[in-house]
Amino acid sequence: MIKRSPLVSVAQHLGAEFIEVGGWKFARRFTSVAAEMAAARSGVALADSSPHGKVMIEGAQAAEALRAAFGAAPEAIGGGAPTDAGHLYRLRREVFYMSTPPSGEANVIERVETAARAASLFVTATDVSHGLADLRLLGPRARDVLSKLCALDFSPERFSDQTLRQTSVAKTKQMVLRRDFGPLPVFQLIGAQSLAAYLWEVVMAAGREYGIVPMGVEAMRDLERAG
């Protein structure tokens, strides 16, 4: 059975073409890949990445298990690190969050549980993919858009690449992650699926003065590869 991004209806209304990735249906492109990439590089674009896997890893020994499974466990609260299975962030002292490619969550959970069993560690890994949406704001004006919706300081000095903060965005509870594609700033907004359509509309409205455009997965992948 094909799973649907919570933003499929929004994308249909905008005339998107669709694609299936990892068992999920979501927007392939809205206009052309070249136009969407150009908009992100010169201004700002908004993409739906909800099909990406999302895993919470918790426990007093979570950092030890993650180092055994992936060779990484960020030391600082809000810090991040890339791994071969996805991008790992530390939410609190005993709580970590892993973002994976679509359908990558099962692999992460298996590796964490295997590492924990091997070392007799008490750790839990939970798939939260179906409850959370993932919107990505890409481009040099992404910080300007977010600053209209959130009180955080998004300057590079205060919110650098591989950083996570939990905060309110347009009066919704979100995890805000920064994971750049090379020199291109990229911010992820991760929150309840039930609020995804609302948040999409609010972000698009906030970005109108900067020429924001919707972006499909093809352009986003090409930008990531180019980065």
Protein backbone atom coordinates (compact mmCIF):
# COMPACT_ATOMS: atom_id res chain seq x y z
CA MET A 1 0.00 0.00 0.00
CA ILE A 2 1.35 3.42 -0.99
CA LYS A 3 1.76 5.86 1.90
CA ARG A 4 0.86 9.49 1.27
CA SER A 5 2.69 12.56 2.45
CA PRO A 6 0.39 14.83 4.50
CA LEU A 7 0.99 17.47 1.81
CA VAL A 8 -0.19 15.48 -1.21
CA SER A 9 -3.45 17.45 -1.42
CA VAL A 10 -1.58 20.75 -1.24
CA ALA A 11 0.81 19.62 -3.98
CA GLN A 12 -2.08 18.44 -6.16
CA HIS A 13 -3.70 21.86 -5.86
CA LEU A 14 -0.41 23.42 -7.01
CA GLY A 15 -0.27 21.16 -10.06
CA ALA A 16 2.63 18.95 -8.99
CA GLU A 17 3.75 15.77 -10.70
CA PHE A 18 4.17 12.88 -8.28
CA ILE A 19 6.66 10.11 -7.62
CA GLU A 20 6.85 7.09 -5.35
CA VAL A 21 9.95 6.84 -3.17
CA GLY A 22 10.39 4.24 -0.45
CA GLY A 23 6.70 3.39 -0.60
CA TRP A 24 5.64 7.05 -0.27
CA LYS A 25 3.84 9.28 -2.77
CA PHE A 26 4.97 12.90 -2.83
CA ALA A 27 5.77 15.76 -5.19
CA ARG A 28 8.32 15.08 -7.93
CA ARG A 29 8.27 18.62 -9.34
CA PHE A 30 5.98 21.64 -9.61
CA THR A 31 7.45 23.43 -12.65
CA SER A 32 10.85 22.31 -13.91
CA VAL A 33 13.88 21.03 -12.06
CA ALA A 34 16.03 23.84 -13.48
CA ALA A 35 13.58 26.56 -12.41
CA GLU A 36 13.17 25.16 -8.92
CA MET A 37 16.93 24.83 -8.42
CA ALA A 38 17.51 28.36 -9.69
CA ALA A 39 14.92 29.75 -7.26
CA ALA A 40 16.56 27.98 -4.32
CA ARG A 41 20.03 29.17 -5.26
CA SER A 42 19.01 32.80 -5.73
CA GLY A 43 16.21 33.17 -3.19
CA VAL A 44 14.21 30.51 -1.37
CA ALA A 45 12.19 27.33 -2.05
CA LEU A 46 9.99 25.10 0.10
CA ALA A 47 9.97 21.30 -0.26
CA ASP A 48 8.12 18.40 1.35
CA SER A 49 10.46 15.77 2.81
CA SER A 50 7.89 14.06 5.03
CA PRO A 51 8.66 10.54 3.68
CA HIS A 52 12.15 10.69 5.21
CA GLY A 53 12.55 8.36 8.18
CA LYS A 54 12.47 9.73 11.72
CA VAL A 55 13.75 7.83 14.75
CA MET A 56 13.99 8.79 18.43
CA ILE A 57 16.73 7.04 20.43
CA GLU A 58 16.45 7.34 24.21
CA GLY A 59 18.14 6.11 27.36
CA ALA A 60 20.96 6.89 29.74
CA GLN A 61 23.26 4.74 27.57
CA ALA A 62 21.94 5.98 24.21
CA ALA A 63 25.17 7.79 23.31
CA GLU A 64 27.20 4.64 23.90
CA ALA A 65 24.85 2.57 21.74
CA LEU A 66 24.92 5.14 18.94
CA ARG A 67 28.71 5.29 18.94
CA ALA A 68 28.79 1.50 18.66
CA ALA A 69 26.17 1.43 15.88
CA PHE A 70 27.18 4.46 13.81
CA GLY A 71 30.49 5.73 15.16
CA ALA A 72 28.94 9.04 16.23
CA ALA A 73 26.97 10.64 19.06
CA PRO A 74 27.00 14.47 19.21
CA GLU A 75 28.26 15.74 22.57
CA ALA A 76 26.49 19.11 22.65
CA ILE A 77 22.73 19.49 23.14
CA GLY A 78 21.43 20.65 19.77
CA GLY A 79 24.52 19.39 17.96
CA GLY A 80 24.44 17.12 14.93
CA ALA A 81 26.62 14.66 13.07
CA PRO A 82 26.35 12.81 9.74
CA THR A 83 26.38 9.00 9.75
CA ASP A 84 26.16 6.36 7.04
CA ALA A 85 22.46 5.86 7.88
CA GLY A 86 21.31 9.47 8.18
CA HIS A 87 21.85 12.60 10.23
CA LEU A 88 21.95 12.35 14.02
CA TYR A 89 21.13 15.15 16.49
CA ARG A 90 21.16 15.37 20.28
CA LEU A 91 17.87 16.75 21.66
CA ARG A 92 18.65 16.27 25.34
CA ARG A 93 21.29 14.49 27.38
CA GLU A 94 19.57 11.11 26.97
CA VAL A 95 17.52 11.72 23.79
CA PHE A 96 18.72 11.69 20.18
CA TYR A 97 16.95 12.15 16.85
CA MET A 98 17.95 10.49 13.57
CA SER A 99 16.73 11.65 10.14
CA THR A 100 17.09 8.95 7.46
CA PRO A 101 16.34 8.54 3.76
CA PRO A 102 12.79 7.28 3.02
CA SER A 103 12.23 3.85 4.59
CA GLY A 104 15.63 3.99 6.31
CA GLU A 105 14.15 4.00 9.79
CA ALA A 106 13.99 0.20 10.11
CA ASN A 107 17.72 -0.11 9.42
CA VAL A 108 18.52 2.49 12.09
CA ILE A 109 16.36 0.77 14.70
CA GLU A 110 17.86 -2.64 13.95
CA ARG A 111 21.42 -1.33 14.24
CA VAL A 112 20.73 0.50 17.51
CA GLU A 113 19.02 -2.55 19.03
CA THR A 114 21.81 -4.88 17.87
CA ALA A 115 24.49 -2.61 19.38
CA ALA A 116 22.52 -2.29 22.62
CA ARG A 117 22.08 -6.08 22.97
CA ALA A 118 25.74 -6.75 22.23
CA ALA A 119 26.86 -4.44 25.04
CA SER A 120 23.91 -5.05 27.42
CA LEU A 121 22.77 -1.42 27.18
CA PHE A 122 19.26 -0.23 28.00
CA VAL A 123 18.21 1.91 25.04
CA THR A 124 14.95 2.35 23.12
CA ALA A 125 14.67 3.31 19.45
CA THR A 126 11.23 4.39 18.21
CA ASP A 127 10.00 5.03 14.67
CA VAL A 128 8.10 8.36 14.71
CA SER A 129 7.99 8.80 10.92
CA HIS A 130 4.22 8.54 10.53
CA GLY A 131 3.42 11.18 13.13
CA LEU A 132 5.74 13.90 11.90
CA ALA A 133 5.94 16.02 8.76
CA ASP A 134 9.25 17.36 7.41
CA LEU A 135 9.33 20.63 5.45
CA ARG A 136 12.60 21.93 4.02
CA LEU A 137 13.32 25.58 3.41
CA LEU A 138 16.25 26.03 1.02
CA GLY A 139 18.16 29.08 -0.13
CA PRO A 140 19.95 32.25 0.95
CA ARG A 141 16.65 33.90 1.98
CA ALA A 142 15.54 30.95 4.11
CA ARG A 143 16.77 32.70 7.26
CA ASP A 144 14.71 35.79 6.40
CA VAL A 145 11.55 33.71 6.01
CA LEU A 146 12.09 31.83 9.27
CA SER A 147 12.83 35.05 11.16
CA LYS A 148 9.31 36.23 10.35
CA LEU A 149 7.80 33.12 11.95
CA CYS A 150 10.12 32.32 14.84
CA ALA A 151 12.03 34.21 17.56
CA LEU A 152 15.28 32.24 17.15
CA ASP A 153 18.43 33.92 15.88
CA PHE A 154 19.18 32.23 12.54
CA SER A 155 22.46 34.01 11.88
CA PRO A 156 25.28 31.63 10.86
CA GLU A 157 27.12 32.39 14.11
CA ARG A 158 24.18 31.35 16.30
CA PHE A 159 22.57 28.67 14.12
CA SER A 160 25.27 26.89 12.17
CA ASP A 161 25.15 23.82 9.92
CA GLN A 162 24.35 20.56 11.81
CA THR A 163 22.35 22.37 14.52
CA LEU A 164 18.94 21.54 15.98
CA ARG A 165 16.59 23.62 18.13
CA GLN A 166 13.12 22.86 19.49
CA THR A 167 10.92 25.93 19.28
CA SER A 168 7.65 27.47 18.13
CA VAL A 169 7.25 28.31 14.44
CA ALA A 170 4.04 30.15 13.50
CA LYS A 171 2.64 29.03 16.87
CA THR A 172 3.32 25.34 16.16
CA LYS A 173 5.82 23.13 18.01
CA GLN A 174 8.69 22.23 15.68
CA MET A 175 12.17 20.82 15.65
CA VAL A 176 14.22 23.16 13.44
CA LEU A 177 17.29 21.52 11.94
CA ARG A 178 19.94 23.06 9.76
CA ARG A 179 21.64 20.75 7.28
CA ASP A 180 23.18 22.66 4.40
CA PHE A 181 23.76 21.36 0.89
CA GLY A 182 27.34 22.61 0.51
CA PRO A 183 27.12 26.42 0.51
CA LEU A 184 23.30 26.40 0.24
CA PRO A 185 21.51 26.97 3.58
CA VAL A 186 18.84 24.33 4.25
CA PHE A 187 16.49 24.30 7.25
CA GLN A 188 14.10 21.47 8.17
CA LEU A 189 10.86 22.03 10.09
CA ILE A 190 9.73 18.81 11.76
CA GLY A 191 6.40 18.75 13.58
CA ALA A 192 2.97 17.15 13.74
CA GLN A 193 1.60 15.88 10.43
CA SER A 194 -1.80 17.34 11.31
CA LEU A 195 -0.30 20.83 11.11
CA ALA A 196 1.74 20.32 7.94
CA ALA A 197 -0.71 21.92 5.49
CA TYR A 198 -1.17 24.92 7.78
CA LEU A 199 2.57 25.38 8.22
CA TRP A 200 3.18 25.05 4.46
CA GLU A 201 0.71 27.86 3.74
CA VAL A 202 2.15 30.09 6.47
CA VAL A 203 5.73 29.61 5.25
CA MET A 204 4.74 30.25 1.63
CA ALA A 205 2.98 33.47 2.67
CA ALA A 206 5.99 34.60 4.71
CA GLY A 207 8.29 33.94 1.77
CA ARG A 208 6.20 35.67 -0.89
CA GLU A 209 8.23 38.89 -0.75
CA TYR A 210 11.39 36.83 -1.41
CA GLY A 211 9.93 35.01 -4.42
CA ILE A 212 9.49 31.64 -2.68
CA VAL A 213 8.55 28.69 -4.91
CA PRO A 214 7.45 25.12 -4.12
CA MET A 215 10.09 22.51 -4.90
CA GLY A 216 9.81 18.81 -5.74
CA VAL A 217 12.07 15.96 -4.75
CA GLU A 218 14.03 15.89 -8.03
CA ALA A 219 15.36 19.43 -7.66
CA MET A 220 16.07 18.90 -3.98
CA ARG A 221 18.08 15.76 -4.68
CA ASP A 222 20.07 17.47 -7.45
CA LEU A 223 20.89 20.35 -5.09
CA GLU A 224 22.02 17.92 -2.40
CA ARG A 225 24.25 16.05 -4.86
CA ALA A 226 25.68 19.33 -6.16
CA GLY A 227 26.42 20.49 -2.61
